[in-house]
Amino acid sequence: MNPWIFFPAIGAVIGYFTNFLAVKMIFRPRSPFMGVQGLIPRRRRDLAEKIGETVSTHLVTKEDLLKQFPMEELEKMFSEIVGQKVDDFIDQKFMSFNPMIAAFLTDDLRKKIRNGVIEKMQEILPEVEDKLLSGIEKIDMRALVTEKIQGFDVQKLEDIILAICKKELRAIEILGGVLGALVGLIQYWLVSQNYIDI
């Protein structure tokens, strides 16, 4: 075989295989085997803690969560829910209790009852809002994310990582083959020029 092909071909195979093996060893072996374990299974706890810290400090902070609950929208939603519940109560309970009441319960009176209840309920809304904000502020995002990731089995964690960077890991394998071929080519050139002996 032509040495200009043979040396790069051997270098490409070795380069590709070593990078392929290195990528696989990120995830495998999943359990310790002769003192060796994949990087992700071995460092899963550290990875989970680091992701939890990153998410809680840079991606989704408590302030971000609070912004998702604009008080004006909560008040509007609260009024709509209470209004619907009052209407349901009047239709299902109040009217069925005494059908004669229907003759006296005009739309105006019904509206006054509805608005009166909503008004009273809105008086306690600030307290509800305070409880909601207090609850959000107590959420430990870091611990929540860390616990969630630690709960993943290794296969699921591997699937998530591969879904994110499969192309990049494949490129690393191919780059190993390309660099191996280049090293083989340079090596043969050095040998053919009598710069090195093999």
Foldseek 3Di string as FASTA:
>chain_A
DPLLCVLLQVQLVVQLVVLVVLLVLCQPPLDDDPNGGHVCNVCVLVVQLVVLVCCDPPNCHLVNVVVVCPPVVVLVVLLVVQLVVLVCCCVPPVCVVPVVVVVVCDPVNSVVVSVVVSVVVVVCVVVVVVVVSVVSVPDSSSVVSSVVSVPDDSVVVVVVVCVVCVVVSVVSSNVSSVVRSVVSNVVVVCVVVVVDDD
